[in-house]
Amino acid sequence: MIMPAEKELRAVLARFAQARIEHDVLPTGRTSRALEDATYTLCVITGSRTVEQALRAADALLDQYTAGRAGLRQEDETLAA
């Protein structure tokens, strides 16, 4: 799987969350289509088949991004010493 850029992943997650909220508050044909589209995009970007798998995969990717940034900061501190 190609790893999505963090910024793109966060944007897709935000779009999914917004669509989910709008559909839960006032379900219409438009909100249903928006939620289906956001769900599909989230599944594709994470390489998953279900929204549950996609959300778990997104969490794991965000953890990897965070760990990568922490490792870079530690390297910078080591070089500065």
N, C-alpha and C. Protein backbone atom coordinates (compact mmCIF):
# COMPACT_ATOMS: atom_id res chain seq x y z
N MET A 1 0.84 -1.18 0.00
CA MET A 1 0.00 0.00 0.00
C MET A 1 0.88 1.25 0.00
N ILE A 2 0.53 2.19 -0.81
CA ILE A 2 1.22 3.48 -0.81
C ILE A 2 0.71 4.26 0.39
N MET A 3 1.64 4.78 1.17
CA MET A 3 1.27 5.52 2.37
C MET A 3 0.83 6.92 2.00
N PRO A 4 -0.40 7.32 2.37
CA PRO A 4 -0.86 8.67 2.05
C PRO A 4 -0.12 9.71 2.88
N ALA A 5 -0.04 10.91 2.35
CA ALA A 5 0.56 12.01 3.10
C ALA A 5 -0.33 12.31 4.31
N GLU A 6 0.29 12.68 5.40
CA GLU A 6 -0.46 12.94 6.63
C GLU A 6 -1.54 13.99 6.41
N LYS A 7 -1.20 15.04 5.71
CA LYS A 7 -2.15 16.12 5.46
C LYS A 7 -3.38 15.61 4.70
N GLU A 8 -3.15 14.76 3.69
CA GLU A 8 -4.26 14.19 2.91
C GLU A 8 -5.12 13.28 3.78
N LEU A 9 -4.49 12.45 4.58
CA LEU A 9 -5.22 11.54 5.45
C LEU A 9 -6.08 12.33 6.43
N ARG A 10 -5.52 13.36 7.02
CA ARG A 10 -6.29 14.18 7.97
C ARG A 10 -7.46 14.89 7.27
N ALA A 11 -7.25 15.33 6.04
CA ALA A 11 -8.33 15.98 5.29
C ALA A 11 -9.46 15.00 5.00
N VAL A 12 -9.11 13.78 4.62
CA VAL A 12 -10.13 12.75 4.33
C VAL A 12 -10.87 12.38 5.61
N LEU A 13 -10.16 12.25 6.71
CA LEU A 13 -10.82 11.96 7.98
C LEU A 13 -11.77 13.07 8.39
N ALA A 14 -11.37 14.30 8.19
CA ALA A 14 -12.23 15.44 8.52
C ALA A 14 -13.48 15.45 7.64
N ARG A 15 -13.29 15.16 6.37
CA ARG A 15 -14.43 15.11 5.44
C ARG A 15 -15.39 13.99 5.84
N PHE A 16 -14.85 12.83 6.21
CA PHE A 16 -15.69 11.73 6.66
C PHE A 16 -16.46 12.12 7.91
N ALA A 17 -15.77 12.71 8.89
CA ALA A 17 -16.41 13.09 10.15
C ALA A 17 -17.53 14.11 9.90
N GLN A 18 -17.27 15.09 9.05
CA GLN A 18 -18.29 16.09 8.75
C GLN A 18 -19.50 15.46 8.07
N ALA A 19 -19.25 14.57 7.12
CA ALA A 19 -20.35 13.89 6.42
C ALA A 19 -21.15 13.02 7.39
N ARG A 20 -20.45 12.32 8.29
CA ARG A 20 -21.12 11.46 9.27
C ARG A 20 -22.02 12.30 10.18
N ILE A 21 -21.50 13.43 10.65
CA ILE A 21 -22.28 14.30 11.55
C ILE A 21 -23.50 14.85 10.83
N GLU A 22 -23.29 15.38 9.63
CA GLU A 22 -24.42 15.95 8.88
C GLU A 22 -25.48 14.90 8.61
N HIS A 23 -25.06 13.70 8.26
CA HIS A 23 -26.04 12.64 7.98
C HIS A 23 -26.76 12.19 9.25
N ASP A 24 -26.05 12.15 10.37
CA ASP A 24 -26.69 11.75 11.63
C ASP A 24 -27.68 12.80 12.11
N VAL A 25 -27.37 14.07 11.90
CA VAL A 25 -28.23 15.16 12.37
C VAL A 25 -29.50 15.26 11.52
N LEU A 26 -29.33 15.25 10.21
CA LEU A 26 -30.49 15.40 9.32
C LEU A 26 -30.24 14.59 8.05
N PRO A 27 -30.61 13.31 8.08
CA PRO A 27 -30.34 12.45 6.92
C PRO A 27 -31.19 12.84 5.71
N THR A 28 -30.52 13.06 4.60
CA THR A 28 -31.19 13.35 3.33
C THR A 28 -30.46 12.57 2.25
N GLY A 29 -30.96 12.62 1.05
CA GLY A 29 -30.28 11.98 -0.07
C GLY A 29 -28.90 12.57 -0.27
N ARG A 30 -28.78 13.89 -0.10
CA ARG A 30 -27.50 14.56 -0.29
C ARG A 30 -26.49 14.13 0.76
N THR A 31 -26.93 14.07 2.03
CA THR A 31 -26.00 13.68 3.09
C THR A 31 -25.62 12.21 2.97
N SER A 32 -26.55 11.39 2.49
CA SER A 32 -26.25 9.97 2.28
C SER A 32 -25.18 9.80 1.21
N ARG A 33 -25.33 10.52 0.11
CA ARG A 33 -24.33 10.45 -0.97
C ARG A 33 -22.98 10.98 -0.51
N ALA A 34 -23.00 12.07 0.25
CA ALA A 34 -21.75 12.65 0.75
C ALA A 34 -21.05 11.67 1.69
N LEU A 35 -21.81 11.01 2.54
CA LEU A 35 -21.23 10.03 3.46
C LEU A 35 -20.69 8.83 2.69
N GLU A 36 -21.42 8.34 1.71
CA GLU A 36 -20.93 7.22 0.90
C GLU A 36 -19.64 7.58 0.18
N ASP A 37 -19.58 8.79 -0.36
CA ASP A 37 -18.37 9.24 -1.07
C ASP A 37 -17.19 9.37 -0.11
N ALA A 38 -17.43 9.96 1.04
CA ALA A 38 -16.35 10.13 2.03
C ALA A 38 -15.88 8.78 2.55
N THR A 39 -16.81 7.85 2.75
CA THR A 39 -16.46 6.50 3.21
C THR A 39 -15.62 5.79 2.16
N TYR A 40 -16.05 5.88 0.91
CA TYR A 40 -15.30 5.24 -0.18
C TYR A 40 -13.88 5.80 -0.25
N THR A 41 -13.74 7.12 -0.18
CA THR A 41 -12.43 7.76 -0.25
C THR A 41 -11.55 7.32 0.91
N LEU A 42 -12.11 7.26 2.10
CA LEU A 42 -11.35 6.83 3.28
C LEU A 42 -10.89 5.39 3.12
N CYS A 43 -11.77 4.54 2.60
CA CYS A 43 -11.39 3.13 2.40
C CYS A 43 -10.28 3.01 1.35
N VAL A 44 -10.38 3.77 0.28
CA VAL A 44 -9.36 3.70 -0.77
C VAL A 44 -8.02 4.20 -0.25
N ILE A 45 -8.00 5.32 0.42
CA ILE A 45 -6.74 5.92 0.86
C ILE A 45 -6.04 5.06 1.91
N THR A 46 -6.81 4.24 2.65
CA THR A 46 -6.21 3.38 3.67
C THR A 46 -6.08 1.93 3.20
N GLY A 47 -6.58 1.63 2.01
CA GLY A 47 -6.50 0.27 1.50
C GLY A 47 -7.38 -0.70 2.26
N SER A 48 -8.55 -0.25 2.70
CA SER A 48 -9.44 -1.05 3.53
C SER A 48 -10.75 -1.36 2.79
N ARG A 49 -11.46 -2.37 3.30
CA ARG A 49 -12.73 -2.76 2.69
C ARG A 49 -13.95 -2.23 3.44
N THR A 50 -13.79 -1.94 4.72
CA THR A 50 -14.91 -1.43 5.52
C THR A 50 -14.49 -0.14 6.21
N VAL A 51 -15.48 0.63 6.63
CA VAL A 51 -15.17 1.88 7.31
C VAL A 51 -14.48 1.61 8.65
N GLU A 52 -14.87 0.53 9.32
CA GLU A 52 -14.23 0.19 10.59
C GLU A 52 -12.75 -0.10 10.39
N GLN A 53 -12.43 -0.89 9.37
CA GLN A 53 -11.03 -1.18 9.06
C GLN A 53 -10.29 0.09 8.66
N ALA A 54 -10.96 0.94 7.89
CA ALA A 54 -10.33 2.18 7.43
C ALA A 54 -10.00 3.10 8.59
N LEU A 55 -10.90 3.19 9.56
CA LEU A 55 -10.63 4.05 10.71
C LEU A 55 -9.49 3.50 11.56
N ARG A 56 -9.44 2.17 11.73
CA ARG A 56 -8.31 1.57 12.46
C ARG A 56 -7.00 1.81 11.72
N ALA A 57 -7.03 1.64 10.40
CA ALA A 57 -5.82 1.85 9.59
C ALA A 57 -5.38 3.32 9.67
N ALA A 58 -6.33 4.23 9.63
CA ALA A 58 -6.01 5.66 9.72
C ALA A 58 -5.37 5.97 11.07
N ASP A 59 -5.90 5.40 12.15
CA ASP A 59 -5.31 5.60 13.48
C ASP A 59 -3.88 5.08 13.51
N ALA A 60 -3.66 3.92 12.93
CA ALA A 60 -2.31 3.34 12.91
C ALA A 60 -1.36 4.23 12.10
N LEU A 61 -1.83 4.74 10.98
CA LEU A 61 -0.98 5.63 10.17
C LEU A 61 -0.65 6.91 10.92
N LEU A 62 -1.64 7.48 11.60
CA LEU A 62 -1.38 8.70 12.37
C LEU A 62 -0.38 8.42 13.50
N ASP A 63 -0.46 7.24 14.11
CA ASP A 63 0.53 6.86 15.13
C ASP A 63 1.93 6.79 14.52
N GLN A 64 2.03 6.24 13.30
CA GLN A 64 3.32 6.16 12.62
C GLN A 64 3.88 7.55 12.33
N TYR A 65 3.02 8.46 11.88
CA TYR A 65 3.47 9.82 11.61
C TYR A 65 3.99 10.48 12.88
N THR A 66 3.26 10.28 13.99
CA THR A 66 3.66 10.87 15.27
C THR A 66 4.99 10.28 15.73
N ALA A 67 5.13 8.96 15.62
CA ALA A 67 6.37 8.31 16.02
C ALA A 67 7.54 8.78 15.15
N GLY A 68 7.30 8.98 13.88
CA GLY A 68 8.34 9.47 12.98
C GLY A 68 8.81 10.86 13.36
N ARG A 69 7.86 11.72 13.74
CA ARG A 69 8.23 13.08 14.15
C ARG A 69 9.02 13.04 15.46
N ALA A 70 8.62 12.15 16.37
CA ALA A 70 9.33 12.05 17.65
C ALA A 70 10.76 11.56 17.42
N GLY A 71 10.93 10.62 16.50
CA GLY A 71 12.26 10.12 16.18
C GLY A 71 13.13 11.20 15.57
N LEU A 72 12.55 12.04 14.73
CA LEU A 72 13.31 13.14 14.13
C LEU A 72 13.74 14.14 15.20
N ARG A 73 12.87 14.45 16.13
CA ARG A 73 13.22 15.40 17.20
C ARG A 73 14.34 14.83 18.04
N GLN A 74 14.31 13.53 18.33
CA GLN A 74 15.36 12.92 19.13
C GLN A 74 16.70 12.97 18.38
N GLU A 75 16.68 12.75 17.06
CA GLU A 75 17.89 12.86 16.26
C GLU A 75 18.45 14.27 16.32
N ASP A 76 17.56 15.27 16.19
CA ASP A 76 18.00 16.65 16.24
C ASP A 76 18.67 16.98 17.58
N GLU A 77 18.11 16.47 18.67
CA GLU A 77 18.69 16.71 19.99
C GLU A 77 20.05 16.03 20.11
N THR A 78 20.16 14.85 19.54
CA THR A 78 21.44 14.12 19.59
C THR A 78 22.51 14.88 18.81
N LEU A 79 22.14 15.39 17.65
CA LEU A 79 23.10 16.14 16.84
C LEU A 79 23.51 17.45 17.51
N ALA A 80 22.59 18.03 18.26
CA ALA A 80 22.89 19.30 18.90
C ALA A 80 23.82 19.12 20.11
N ALA A 81 23.86 17.94 20.67
CA ALA A 81 24.65 17.70 21.89
C ALA A 81 26.13 17.65 21.63
